């Protein structure tokens, strides 16, 4: 009986880990969503991008923070496609994805940090 309970517990933990995910592994591209739109940081932290995947007429943009000289850069995609930008010598670890909604407050994700 005790073995059966231990097995069920192990199966429950494994199932929860599979469903919830283990997070982003180092070296993976990191995505931050706002609805269907998303921004991303490249696996090497040297480029960021933004993709407009909603056909709602609103542009999408990302704000990303460079580690040095601690600046925030905005990159916007206005044509319903994707855009990528390199960052030169400065790494990017923090990103926010937003939808530019004229006459309303922009819809933005929380700032998220890639390890």
PDB file of N, CA and C in Angstrom:
ATOM      1  N   UNK A   1       0.828  -1.195   0.000  1.00  0.00           N
ATOM      2  CA  UNK A   1       0.000   0.000   0.000  1.00  0.00           C
ATOM      3  C   UNK A   1       0.873   1.260   0.000  1.00  0.00           C
ATOM      4  N   UNK A   2       1.905   1.242   0.819  1.00  0.00           N
ATOM      5  CA  UNK A   2       2.783   2.395   0.913  1.00  0.00           C
ATOM      6  C   UNK A   2       3.518   2.630  -0.407  1.00  0.00           C
ATOM      7  N   UNK A   3       3.940   1.554  -1.066  1.00  0.00           N
ATOM      8  CA  UNK A   3       4.612   1.662  -2.357  1.00  0.00           C
ATOM      9  C   UNK A   3       3.686   2.284  -3.410  1.00  0.00           C
ATOM     10  N   UNK A   4       2.448   1.867  -3.371  1.00  0.00           N
ATOM     11  CA  UNK A   4       1.484   2.388  -4.343  1.00  0.00           C
ATOM     12  C   UNK A   4       1.282   3.891  -4.164  1.00  0.00           C
ATOM     13  N   UNK A   5       1.193   4.351  -2.934  1.00  0.00           N
ATOM     14  CA  UNK A   5       1.045   5.784  -2.654  1.00  0.00           C
ATOM     15  C   UNK A   5       2.286   6.549  -3.127  1.00  0.00           C
ATOM     16  N   UNK A   6       3.462   5.978  -2.906  1.00  0.00           N
ATOM     17  CA  UNK A   6       4.698   6.627  -3.343  1.00  0.00           C
ATOM     18  C   UNK A   6       4.757   6.719  -4.872  1.00  0.00           C
ATOM     19  N   UNK A   7       4.322   5.649  -5.550  1.00  0.00           N
ATOM     20  CA  UNK A   7       4.302   5.666  -7.010  1.00  0.00           C
ATOM     21  C   UNK A   7       3.331   6.710  -7.537  1.00  0.00           C
ATOM     22  N   UNK A   8       2.137   6.768  -6.945  1.00  0.00           N
ATOM     23  CA  UNK A   8       1.147   7.755  -7.368  1.00  0.00           C
ATOM     24  C   UNK A   8       1.664   9.177  -7.140  1.00  0.00           C
ATOM     25  N   UNK A   9       2.354   9.379  -6.037  1.00  0.00           N
ATOM     26  CA  UNK A   9       2.936  10.693  -5.765  1.00  0.00           C
ATOM     27  C   UNK A   9       3.991  11.057  -6.793  1.00  0.00           C
ATOM     28  N   UNK A  10       4.838  10.108  -7.145  1.00  0.00           N
ATOM     29  CA  UNK A  10       5.874  10.353  -8.149  1.00  0.00           C
ATOM     30  C   UNK A  10       5.252  10.642  -9.510  1.00  0.00           C
ATOM     31  N   UNK A  11       4.212   9.903  -9.867  1.00  0.00           N
ATOM     32  CA  UNK A  11       3.525  10.130 -11.138  1.00  0.00           C
ATOM     33  C   UNK A  11       2.874  11.510 -11.140  1.00  0.00           C
ATOM     34  N   UNK A  12       2.267  11.909 -10.044  1.00  0.00           N
ATOM     35  CA  UNK A  12       1.629  13.227  -9.952  1.00  0.00           C
ATOM     36  C   UNK A  12       2.656  14.340 -10.112  1.00  0.00           C
ATOM     37  N   UNK A  13       3.800  14.204  -9.484  1.00  0.00           N
ATOM     38  CA  UNK A  13       4.850  15.219  -9.597  1.00  0.00           C
ATOM     39  C   UNK A  13       5.372  15.289 -11.019  1.00  0.00           C
ATOM     40  N   UNK A  14       5.608  14.148 -11.634  1.00  0.00           N
ATOM     41  CA  UNK A  14       6.106  14.119 -13.012  1.00  0.00           C
ATOM     42  C   UNK A  14       5.095  14.731 -13.980  1.00  0.00           C
ATOM     43  N   UNK A  15       3.818  14.430 -13.769  1.00  0.00           N
ATOM     44  CA  UNK A  15       2.769  14.979 -14.627  1.00  0.00           C
ATOM     45  C   UNK A  15       2.688  16.487 -14.484  1.00  0.00           C
ATOM     46  N   UNK A  16       2.727  16.973 -13.253  1.00  0.00           N
ATOM     47  CA  UNK A  16       2.678  18.423 -13.016  1.00  0.00           C
ATOM     48  C   UNK A  16       3.874  19.118 -13.656  1.00  0.00           C
ATOM     49  N   UNK A  17       5.049  18.535 -13.539  1.00  0.00           N
ATOM     50  CA  UNK A  17       6.246  19.129 -14.142  1.00  0.00           C
ATOM     51  C   UNK A  17       6.134  19.158 -15.660  1.00  0.00           C
ATOM     52  N   UNK A  18       5.584  18.117 -16.261  1.00  0.00           N
ATOM     53  CA  UNK A  18       5.437  18.073 -17.712  1.00  0.00           C
ATOM     54  C   UNK A  18       4.419  19.100 -18.202  1.00  0.00           C
ATOM     55  N   UNK A  19       3.320  19.244 -17.478  1.00  0.00           N
ATOM     56  CA  UNK A  19       2.277  20.180 -17.884  1.00  0.00           C
ATOM     57  C   UNK A  19       2.687  21.623 -17.665  1.00  0.00           C
ATOM     58  N   UNK A  20       3.346  21.919 -16.572  1.00  0.00           N
ATOM     59  CA  UNK A  20       3.723  23.287 -16.249  1.00  0.00           C
ATOM     60  C   UNK A  20       5.035  23.691 -16.891  1.00  0.00           C
ATOM     61  N   UNK A  21       5.847  22.737 -17.241  1.00  0.00           N
ATOM     62  CA  UNK A  21       7.138  23.041 -17.845  1.00  0.00           C
ATOM     63  C   UNK A  21       8.175  23.299 -16.780  1.00  0.00           C
ATOM     64  N   UNK A  22       9.392  23.210 -17.187  1.00  0.00           N
ATOM     65  CA  UNK A  22      10.503  23.410 -16.256  1.00  0.00           C
ATOM     66  C   UNK A  22      11.131  24.774 -16.437  1.00  0.00           C
ATOM     67  N   UNK A  23      10.519  25.659 -17.207  1.00  0.00           N
ATOM     68  CA  UNK A  23      11.081  26.979 -17.422  1.00  0.00           C
ATOM     69  C   UNK A  23      11.954  26.993 -18.662  1.00  0.00           C
ATOM     70  N   UNK A  24      12.540  28.151 -18.927  1.00  0.00           N
ATOM     71  CA  UNK A  24      13.395  28.313 -20.091  1.00  0.00           C
ATOM     72  C   UNK A  24      14.799  27.876 -19.757  1.00  0.00           C
ATOM     73  N   UNK A  25      15.337  27.018 -20.560  1.00  0.00           N
ATOM     74  CA  UNK A  25      16.706  26.570 -20.352  1.00  0.00           C
ATOM     75  C   UNK A  25      17.667  27.627 -20.873  1.00  0.00           C
ATOM     76  N   UNK A  26      18.838  27.661 -20.281  1.00  0.00           N
ATOM     77  CA  UNK A  26      19.855  28.571 -20.780  1.00  0.00           C
ATOM     78  C   UNK A  26      20.162  28.223 -22.217  1.00  0.00           C
ATOM     79  N   UNK A  27      20.301  29.214 -23.059  1.00  0.00           N
ATOM     80  CA  UNK A  27      20.606  28.971 -24.455  1.00  0.00           C
ATOM     81  C   UNK A  27      19.390  28.928 -25.354  1.00  0.00           C
ATOM     82  N   UNK A  28      18.183  28.937 -24.806  1.00  0.00           N
ATOM     83  CA  UNK A  28      16.970  28.941 -25.613  1.00  0.00           C
ATOM     84  C   UNK A  28      16.563  30.375 -25.962  1.00  0.00           C
ATOM     85  N   UNK A  29      15.828  30.523 -27.072  1.00  0.00           N
ATOM     86  CA  UNK A  29      15.213  31.805 -27.367  1.00  0.00           C
ATOM     87  C   UNK A  29      14.091  32.014 -26.358  1.00  0.00           C
ATOM     88  N   UNK A  30      13.966  33.217 -25.843  1.00  0.00           N
ATOM     89  CA  UNK A  30      13.042  33.545 -24.759  1.00  0.00           C
ATOM     90  C   UNK A  30      11.902  34.395 -25.317  1.00  0.00           C
ATOM     91  N   UNK A  31      10.649  33.947 -25.141  1.00  0.00           N
ATOM     92  CA  UNK A  31       9.477  34.627 -25.689  1.00  0.00           C
ATOM     93  C   UNK A  31       8.649  35.272 -24.591  1.00  0.00           C
ATOM     94  N   UNK A  32       8.126  36.483 -24.882  1.00  0.00           N
ATOM     95  CA  UNK A  32       7.227  37.194 -23.977  1.00  0.00           C
ATOM     96  C   UNK A  32       5.997  37.595 -24.790  1.00  0.00           C
ATOM     97  N   UNK A  33       4.830  37.083 -24.390  1.00  0.00           N
ATOM     98  CA  UNK A  33       3.591  37.279 -25.149  1.00  0.00           C
ATOM     99  C   UNK A  33       2.728  38.389 -24.569  1.00  0.00           C
ATOM    100  N   UNK A  34       2.023  39.071 -25.479  1.00  0.00           N
ATOM    101  CA  UNK A  34       0.914  39.969 -25.157  1.00  0.00           C
ATOM    102  C   UNK A  34      -0.188  39.564 -26.123  1.00  0.00           C
ATOM    103  N   UNK A  35      -1.116  38.748 -25.636  1.00  0.00           N
ATOM    104  CA  UNK A  35      -2.108  38.149 -26.526  1.00  0.00           C
ATOM    105  C   UNK A  35      -1.409  37.192 -27.480  1.00  0.00           C
ATOM    106  N   UNK A  36      -1.673  37.326 -28.787  1.00  0.00           N
ATOM    107  CA  UNK A  36      -1.002  36.507 -29.804  1.00  0.00           C
ATOM    108  C   UNK A  36       0.332  37.120 -30.249  1.00  0.00           C
ATOM    109  N   UNK A  37       0.521  38.408 -29.969  1.00  0.00           N
ATOM    110  CA  UNK A  37       1.757  39.097 -30.323  1.00  0.00           C
ATOM    111  C   UNK A  37       2.859  38.676 -29.360  1.00  0.00           C
ATOM    112  N   UNK A  38       4.099  38.734 -29.819  1.00  0.00           N
ATOM    113  CA  UNK A  38       5.185  38.372 -28.918  1.00  0.00           C
ATOM    114  C   UNK A  38       6.485  39.076 -29.276  1.00  0.00           C
ATOM    115  N   UNK A  39       7.309  39.215 -28.264  1.00  0.00           N
ATOM    116  CA  UNK A  39       8.677  39.680 -28.422  1.00  0.00           C
ATOM    117  C   UNK A  39       9.589  38.548 -27.997  1.00  0.00           C
ATOM    118  N   UNK A  40      10.840  38.640 -28.372  1.00  0.00           N
ATOM    119  CA  UNK A  40      11.765  37.571 -27.998  1.00  0.00           C
ATOM    120  C   UNK A  40      13.187  38.088 -27.861  1.00  0.00           C
ATOM    121  N   UNK A  41      13.950  37.359 -27.067  1.00  0.00           N
ATOM    122  CA  UNK A  41      15.378  37.589 -26.895  1.00  0.00           C
ATOM    123  C   UNK A  41      16.079  36.361 -27.449  1.00  0.00           C
ATOM    124  N   UNK A  42      17.087  36.581 -28.278  1.00  0.00           N
ATOM    125  CA  UNK A  42      17.826  35.474 -28.872  1.00  0.00           C
ATOM    126  C   UNK A  42      18.616  34.688 -27.843  1.00  0.00           C
ATOM    127  N   UNK A  43      18.944  33.467 -28.201  1.00  0.00           N
ATOM    128  CA  UNK A  43      19.622  32.548 -27.287  1.00  0.00           C
ATOM    129  C   UNK A  43      20.956  33.091 -26.776  1.00  0.00           C
ATOM    130  N   UNK A  44      21.590  33.974 -27.545  1.00  0.00           N
ATOM    131  CA  UNK A  44      22.887  34.511 -27.111  1.00  0.00           C
ATOM    132  C   UNK A  44      22.769  35.897 -26.467  1.00  0.00           C
ATOM    133  N   UNK A  45      21.549  36.389 -26.287  1.00  0.00           N
ATOM    134  CA  UNK A  45      21.269  37.691 -25.664  1.00  0.00           C
ATOM    135  C   UNK A  45      21.793  38.862 -26.493  1.00  0.00           C
ATOM    136  N   UNK A  46      22.049  38.666 -27.771  1.00  0.00           N
ATOM    137  CA  UNK A  46      22.611  39.718 -28.618  1.00  0.00           C
ATOM    138  C   UNK A  46      21.605  40.261 -29.638  1.00  0.00           C
ATOM    139  N   UNK A  47      20.376  39.734 -29.656  1.00  0.00           N
ATOM    140  CA  UNK A  47      19.351  40.286 -30.532  1.00  0.00           C
ATOM    141  C   UNK A  47      17.983  40.117 -29.886  1.00  0.00           C
ATOM    142  N   UNK A  48      17.075  40.992 -30.305  1.00  0.00           N
ATOM    143  CA  UNK A  48      15.686  40.934 -29.842  1.00  0.00           C
ATOM    144  C   UNK A  48      14.798  41.085 -31.062  1.00  0.00           C
ATOM    145  N   UNK A  49      13.564  40.652 -30.922  1.00  0.00           N
ATOM    146  CA  UNK A  49      12.635  40.754 -32.033  1.00  0.00           C
ATOM    147  C   UNK A  49      11.217  40.955 -31.548  1.00  0.00           C
ATOM    148  N   UNK A  50      10.350  41.270 -32.496  1.00  0.00           N
ATOM    149  CA  UNK A  50       8.940  41.484 -32.193  1.00  0.00           C
ATOM    150  C   UNK A  50       8.125  40.942 -33.366  1.00  0.00           C
ATOM    151  N   UNK A  51       7.007  40.279 -33.067  1.00  0.00           N
ATOM    152  CA  UNK A  51       6.133  39.724 -34.098  1.00  0.00           C
ATOM    153  C   UNK A  51       4.685  40.107 -33.827  1.00  0.00           C
ATOM    154  N   UNK A  52       4.040  40.658 -34.844  1.00  0.00           N
ATOM    155  CA  UNK A  52       2.633  41.041 -34.771  1.00  0.00           C
ATOM    156  C   UNK A  52       1.822  39.897 -35.357  1.00  0.00           C
ATOM    157  N   UNK A  53       1.091  39.170 -34.522  1.00  0.00           N
ATOM    158  CA  UNK A  53       0.330  38.006 -34.959  1.00  0.00           C
ATOM    159  C   UNK A  53      -1.179  38.193 -34.838  1.00  0.00           C
ATOM    160  N   UNK A  54      -1.606  39.388 -34.470  1.00  0.00           N
ATOM    161  CA  UNK A  54      -3.037  39.673 -34.384  1.00  0.00           C
ATOM    162  C   UNK A  54      -3.409  40.599 -35.537  1.00  0.00           C
ATOM    163  N   UNK A  55      -4.478  40.302 -36.204  1.00  0.00           N
ATOM    164  CA  UNK A  55      -4.911  41.116 -37.330  1.00  0.00           C
ATOM    165  C   UNK A  55      -5.978  42.100 -36.849  1.00  0.00           C
ATOM    166  N   UNK A  56      -5.548  42.971 -35.911  1.00  0.00           N
ATOM    167  CA  UNK A  56      -6.481  43.900 -35.283  1.00  0.00           C
ATOM    168  C   UNK A  56      -6.193  45.357 -35.628  1.00  0.00           C
ATOM    169  N   UNK A  57      -5.188  45.617 -36.464  1.00  0.00           N
ATOM    170  CA  UNK A  57      -4.863  46.986 -36.854  1.00  0.00           C
ATOM    171  C   UNK A  57      -3.964  47.720 -35.881  1.00  0.00           C
ATOM    172  N   UNK A  58      -3.588  47.092 -34.775  1.00  0.00           N
ATOM    173  CA  UNK A  58      -2.705  47.730 -33.803  1.00  0.00           C
ATOM    174  C   UNK A  58      -1.272  47.236 -33.992  1.00  0.00           C
ATOM    175  N   UNK A  59      -0.330  48.152 -33.977  1.00  0.00           N
ATOM    176  CA  UNK A  59       1.075  47.780 -34.053  1.00  0.00           C
ATOM    177  C   UNK A  59       1.506  47.137 -32.747  1.00  0.00           C
ATOM    178  N   UNK A  60       2.569  46.380 -32.812  1.00  0.00           N
ATOM    179  CA  UNK A  60       3.131  45.763 -31.613  1.00  0.00           C
ATOM    180  C   UNK A  60       4.576  46.230 -31.475  1.00  0.00           C
ATOM    181  N   UNK A  61       5.008  46.402 -30.240  1.00  0.00           N
ATOM    182  CA  UNK A  61       6.387  46.808 -29.999  1.00  0.00           C
ATOM    183  C   UNK A  61       6.939  46.112 -28.778  1.00  0.00           C
ATOM    184  N   UNK A  62       8.254  46.091 -28.700  1.00  0.00           N
ATOM    185  CA  UNK A  62       8.932  45.573 -27.510  1.00  0.00           C
ATOM    186  C   UNK A  62       9.799  46.670 -26.936  1.00  0.00           C
ATOM    187  N   UNK A  63       9.884  46.661 -25.635  1.00  0.00           N
ATOM    188  CA  UNK A  63      10.875  47.447 -24.911  1.00  0.00           C
ATOM    189  C   UNK A  63      11.873  46.448 -24.381  1.00  0.00           C
ATOM    190  N   UNK A  64      13.142  46.657 -24.659  1.00  0.00           N
ATOM    191  CA  UNK A  64      14.135  45.770 -24.084  1.00  0.00           C
ATOM    192  C   UNK A  64      15.227  46.584 -23.400  1.00  0.00           C
ATOM    193  N   UNK A  65      15.739  46.016 -22.321  1.00  0.00           N
ATOM    194  CA  UNK A  65      16.771  46.686 -21.532  1.00  0.00           C
ATOM    195  C   UNK A  65      18.130  46.089 -21.857  1.00  0.00           C
ATOM    196  N   UNK A  66      19.058  46.952 -22.194  1.00  0.00           N
ATOM    197  CA  UNK A  66      20.445  46.538 -22.373  1.00  0.00           C
ATOM    198  C   UNK A  66      21.130  46.567 -21.013  1.00  0.00           C
ATOM    199  N   UNK A  67      22.022  45.638 -20.787  1.00  0.00           N
ATOM    200  CA  UNK A  67      22.695  45.585 -19.486  1.00  0.00           C
ATOM    201  C   UNK A  67      23.654  46.752 -19.299  1.00  0.00           C
ATOM    202  N   UNK A  68      24.333  47.139 -20.346  1.00  0.00           N
ATOM    203  CA  UNK A  68      25.240  48.284 -20.301  1.00  0.00           C
ATOM    204  C   UNK A  68      25.000  49.051 -21.575  1.00  0.00           C
ATOM    205  N   UNK A  69      24.761  50.280 -21.567  1.00  0.00           N
ATOM    206  CA  UNK A  69      24.764  51.257 -20.483  1.00  0.00           C
ATOM    207  C   UNK A  69      23.410  51.416 -19.794  1.00  0.00           C
ATOM    208  N   UNK A  70      22.727  50.338 -19.512  1.00  0.00           N
ATOM    209  CA  UNK A  70      21.444  50.320 -18.806  1.00  0.00           C
ATOM    210  C   UNK A  70      20.409  51.222 -19.485  1.00  0.00           C
ATOM    211  N   UNK A  71      20.169  50.970 -20.752  1.00  0.00           N
ATOM    212  CA  UNK A  71      19.216  51.758 -21.521  1.00  0.00           C
ATOM    213  C   UNK A  71      18.031  50.901 -21.939  1.00  0.00           C
ATOM    214  N   UNK A  72      16.899  51.554 -22.184  1.00  0.00           N
ATOM    215  CA  UNK A  72      15.707  50.874 -22.697  1.00  0.00           C
ATOM    216  C   UNK A  72      15.547  51.276 -24.157  1.00  0.00           C
ATOM    217  N   UNK A  73      15.363  50.285 -25.016  1.00  0.00           N
ATOM    218  CA  UNK A  73      15.200  50.509 -26.453  1.00  0.00           C
ATOM    219  C   UNK A  73      13.812  50.020 -26.855  1.00  0.00           C
ATOM    220  N   UNK A  74      13.147  50.793 -27.708  1.00  0.00           N
ATOM    221  CA  UNK A  74      11.830  50.392 -28.218  1.00  0.00           C
ATOM    222  C   UNK A  74      11.971  50.024 -29.693  1.00  0.00           C
ATOM    223  N   UNK A  75      11.381  48.881 -30.055  1.00  0.00           N
ATOM    224  CA  UNK A  75      11.367  48.432 -31.444  1.00  0.00           C
ATOM    225  C   UNK A  75       9.921  48.103 -31.799  1.00  0.00           C
ATOM    226  N   UNK A  76       9.414  48.677 -32.896  1.00  0.00           N
ATOM    227  CA  UNK A  76       8.001  48.511 -33.257  1.00  0.00           C
ATOM    228  C   UNK A  76       7.873  47.861 -34.627  1.00  0.00           C
ATOM    229  N   UNK A  77       6.872  46.996 -34.752  1.00  0.00           N
ATOM    230  CA  UNK A  77       6.529  46.362 -36.028  1.00  0.00           C
ATOM    231  C   UNK A  77       5.151  46.859 -36.439  1.00  0.00           C
ATOM    232  N   UNK A  78       5.095  47.517 -37.589  1.00  0.00           N
ATOM    233  CA  UNK A  78       3.851  48.153 -38.012  1.00  0.00           C
ATOM    234  C   UNK A  78       3.142  47.433 -39.158  1.00  0.00           C
ATOM    235  N   UNK A  79       3.751  46.403 -39.707  1.00  0.00           N
ATOM    236  CA  UNK A  79       3.196  45.800 -40.913  1.00  0.00           C
ATOM    237  C   UNK A  79       2.612  44.408 -40.729  1.00  0.00           C
ATOM    238  N   UNK A  80       2.461  43.953 -39.507  1.00  0.00           N
ATOM    239  CA  UNK A  80       1.890  42.628 -39.293  1.00  0.00           C
ATOM    240  C   UNK A  80       2.871  41.501 -39.515  1.00  0.00           C
ATOM    241  N   UNK A  81       4.149  41.802 -39.433  1.00  0.00           N
ATOM    242  CA  UNK A  81       5.182  40.791 -39.630  1.00  0.00           C
ATOM    243  C   UNK A  81       6.076  40.732 -38.398  1.00  0.00           C
ATOM    244  N   UNK A  82       7.293  40.266 -38.597  1.00  0.00           N
ATOM    245  CA  UNK A  82       8.283  40.204 -37.528  1.00  0.00           C
ATOM    246  C   UNK A  82       9.470  41.087 -37.876  1.00  0.00           C
ATOM    247  N   UNK A  83      10.117  41.598 -36.840  1.00  0.00           N
ATOM    248  CA  UNK A  83      11.291  42.428 -37.012  1.00  0.00           C
ATOM    249  C   UNK A  83      12.305  42.013 -35.964  1.00  0.00           C
ATOM    250  N   UNK A  84      13.578  41.984 -36.334  1.00  0.00           N
ATOM    251  CA  UNK A  84      14.656  41.628 -35.420  1.00  0.00           C
ATOM    252  C   UNK A  84      15.702  42.729 -35.436  1.00  0.00           C
ATOM    253  N   UNK A  85      16.310  42.966 -34.283  1.00  0.00           N
ATOM    254  CA  UNK A  85      17.366  43.962 -34.175  1.00  0.00           C
ATOM    255  C   UNK A  85      18.509  43.397 -33.354  1.00  0.00           C
ATOM    256  N   UNK A  86      19.731  43.614 -33.817  1.00  0.00           N
ATOM    257  CA  UNK A  86      20.889  43.233 -33.017  1.00  0.00           C
ATOM    258  C   UNK A  86      21.184  44.351 -32.026  1.00  0.00           C
ATOM    259  N   UNK A  87      21.946  44.046 -31.007  1.00  0.00           N
ATOM    260  CA  UNK A  87      22.199  45.022 -29.962  1.00  0.00           C
ATOM    261  C   UNK A  87      23.650  45.451 -29.881  1.00  0.00           C
ATOM    262  N   UNK A  88      24.435  45.070 -30.853  1.00  0.00           N
ATOM    263  CA  UNK A  88      25.844  45.433 -30.796  1.00  0.00           C
ATOM    264  C   UNK A  88      26.559  44.644 -29.719  1.00  0.00           C
ATOM    265  N   UNK A  89      27.264  45.326 -28.879  1.00  0.00           N
ATOM    266  CA  UNK A  89      28.066  44.653 -27.854  1.00  0.00           C
ATOM    267  C   UNK A  89      27.335  44.482 -26.535  1.00  0.00           C
ATOM    268  N   UNK A  90      26.118  45.006 -26.434  1.00  0.00           N
ATOM    269  CA  UNK A  90      25.404  44.977 -25.161  1.00  0.00           C
ATOM    270  C   UNK A  90      24.392  43.840 -25.102  1.00  0.00           C
ATOM    271  N   UNK A  91      24.411  43.104 -24.029  1.00  0.00           N
ATOM    272  CA  UNK A  91      23.485  41.982 -23.862  1.00  0.00           C
ATOM    273  C   UNK A  91      22.102  42.469 -23.439  1.00  0.00           C
ATOM    274  N   UNK A  92      21.082  41.682 -23.826  1.00  0.00           N
ATOM    275  CA  UNK A  92      19.697  41.943 -23.427  1.00  0.00           C
ATOM    276  C   UNK A  92      19.246  40.781 -22.547  1.00  0.00           C
ATOM    277  N   UNK A  93      18.662  41.104 -21.402  1.00  0.00           N
ATOM    278  CA  UNK A  93      18.131  40.067 -20.520  1.00  0.00           C
ATOM    279  C   UNK A  93      16.677  40.323 -20.136  1.00  0.00           C
ATOM    280  N   UNK A  94      16.171  41.545 -20.350  1.00  0.00           N
ATOM    281  CA  UNK A  94      14.835  41.910 -19.885  1.00  0.00           C
ATOM    282  C   UNK A  94      14.014  42.475 -21.037  1.00  0.00           C
ATOM    283  N   UNK A  95      12.739  42.040 -21.122  1.00  0.00           N
ATOM    284  CA  UNK A  95      11.903  42.378 -22.271  1.00  0.00           C
ATOM    285  C   UNK A  95      10.456  42.563 -21.840  1.00  0.00           C
ATOM    286  N   UNK A  96       9.769  43.454 -22.537  1.00  0.00           N
ATOM    287  CA  UNK A  96       8.339  43.689 -22.352  1.00  0.00           C
ATOM    288  C   UNK A  96       7.702  43.806 -23.732  1.00  0.00           C
ATOM    289  N   UNK A  97       6.585  43.137 -23.963  1.00  0.00           N
ATOM    290  CA  UNK A  97       5.864  43.200 -25.240  1.00  0.00           C
ATOM    291  C   UNK A  97       4.595  44.018 -25.057  1.00  0.00           C
ATOM    292  N   UNK A  98       4.338  44.942 -25.988  1.00  0.00           N
ATOM    293  CA  UNK A  98       3.181  45.840 -25.877  1.00  0.00           C
ATOM    294  C   UNK A  98       2.439  45.946 -27.206  1.00  0.00           C
ATOM    295  N   UNK A  99       1.170  46.260 -27.117  1.00  0.00           N
ATOM    296  CA  UNK A  99       0.355  46.545 -28.284  1.00  0.00           C
ATOM    297  C   UNK A  99       0.027  48.031 -28.255  1.00  0.00           C
ATOM    298  N   UNK A 100       0.376  48.728 -29.321  1.00  0.00           N
ATOM    299  CA  UNK A 100       0.175  50.171 -29.419  1.00  0.00           C
ATOM    300  C   UNK A 100      -1.276  50.442 -29.808  1.00  0.00           C
ATOM    301  N   UNK A 101      -2.071  50.931 -28.849  1.00  0.00           N
ATOM    302  CA  UNK A 101      -3.495  51.175 -29.093  1.00  0.00           C
ATOM    303  C   UNK A 101      -3.766  52.672 -29.019  1.00  0.00           C
ATOM    304  N   UNK A 102      -3.882  53.339 -30.163  1.00  0.00           N
ATOM    305  CA  UNK A 102      -4.133  54.778 -30.149  1.00  0.00           C
ATOM    306  C   UNK A 102      -5.414  55.118 -29.394  1.00  0.00           C
ATOM    307  N   UNK A 103      -5.372  56.214 -28.687  1.00  0.00           N
ATOM    308  CA  UNK A 103      -6.496  56.747 -27.906  1.00  0.00           C
ATOM    309  C   UNK A 103      -6.855  55.881 -26.701  1.00  0.00           C
ATOM    310  N   UNK A 104      -6.079  54.840 -26.443  1.00  0.00           N
ATOM    311  CA  UNK A 104      -6.273  53.984 -25.273  1.00  0.00           C
ATOM    312  C   UNK A 104      -4.908  53.719 -24.659  1.00  0.00           C
ATOM    313  N   UNK A 105      -4.918  53.201 -23.453  1.00  0.00           N
ATOM    314  CA  UNK A 105      -3.675  52.779 -22.828  1.00  0.00           C
ATOM    315  C   UNK A 105      -3.146  51.550 -23.541  1.00  0.00           C
ATOM    316  N   UNK A 106      -1.851  51.539 -23.821  1.00  0.00           N
ATOM    317  CA  UNK A 106      -1.254  50.369 -24.479  1.00  0.00           C
ATOM    318  C   UNK A 106      -1.377  49.141 -23.589  1.00  0.00           C
ATOM    319  N   UNK A 107      -1.607  48.001 -24.214  1.00  0.00           N
ATOM    320  CA  UNK A 107      -1.649  46.722 -23.492  1.00  0.00           C
ATOM    321  C   UNK A 107      -0.232  46.168 -23.474  1.00  0.00           C
ATOM    322  N   UNK A 108       0.312  45.953 -22.287  1.00  0.00           N
ATOM    323  CA  UNK A 108       1.701  45.482 -22.163  1.00  0.00           C
ATOM    324  C   UNK A 108       1.794  44.284 -21.231  1.00  0.00           C
ATOM    325  N   UNK A 109       2.714  43.401 -21.558  1.00  0.00           N
ATOM    326  CA  UNK A 109       3.034  42.311 -20.651  1.00  0.00           C
ATOM    327  C   UNK A 109       3.867  42.885 -19.501  1.00  0.00           C
ATOM    328  N   UNK A 110       4.058  42.099 -18.503  1.00  0.00           N
ATOM    329  CA  UNK A 110       4.984  42.488 -17.432  1.00  0.00           C
ATOM    330  C   UNK A 110       6.409  42.385 -17.977  1.00  0.00           C
ATOM    331  N   UNK A 111       7.324  43.121 -17.381  1.00  0.00           N
ATOM    332  CA  UNK A 111       8.741  42.955 -17.725  1.00  0.00           C
ATOM    333  C   UNK A 111       9.154  41.543 -17.300  1.00  0.00           C
ATOM    334  N   UNK A 112       9.819  40.843 -18.198  1.00  0.00           N
ATOM    335  CA  UNK A 112      10.278  39.483 -17.875  1.00  0.00           C
ATOM    336  C   UNK A 112      11.756  39.360 -18.186  1.00  0.00           C
ATOM    337  N   UNK A 113      12.428  38.616 -17.343  1.00  0.00           N
ATOM    338  CA  UNK A 113      13.893  38.479 -17.445  1.00  0.00           C
ATOM    339  C   UNK A 113      14.285  37.071 -17.885  1.00  0.00           C
ATOM    340  N   UNK A 114      15.129  37.012 -18.888  1.00  0.00           N
ATOM    341  CA  UNK A 114      15.690  35.743 -19.365  1.00  0.00           C
ATOM    342  C   UNK A 114      16.956  35.472 -18.551  1.00  0.00           C
ATOM    343  N   UNK A 115      17.099  34.260 -18.058  1.00  0.00           N
ATOM    344  CA  UNK A 115      18.287  33.964 -17.228  1.00  0.00           C
ATOM    345  C   UNK A 115      19.588  34.073 -18.010  1.00  0.00           C
TER     346      UNK A 115
END
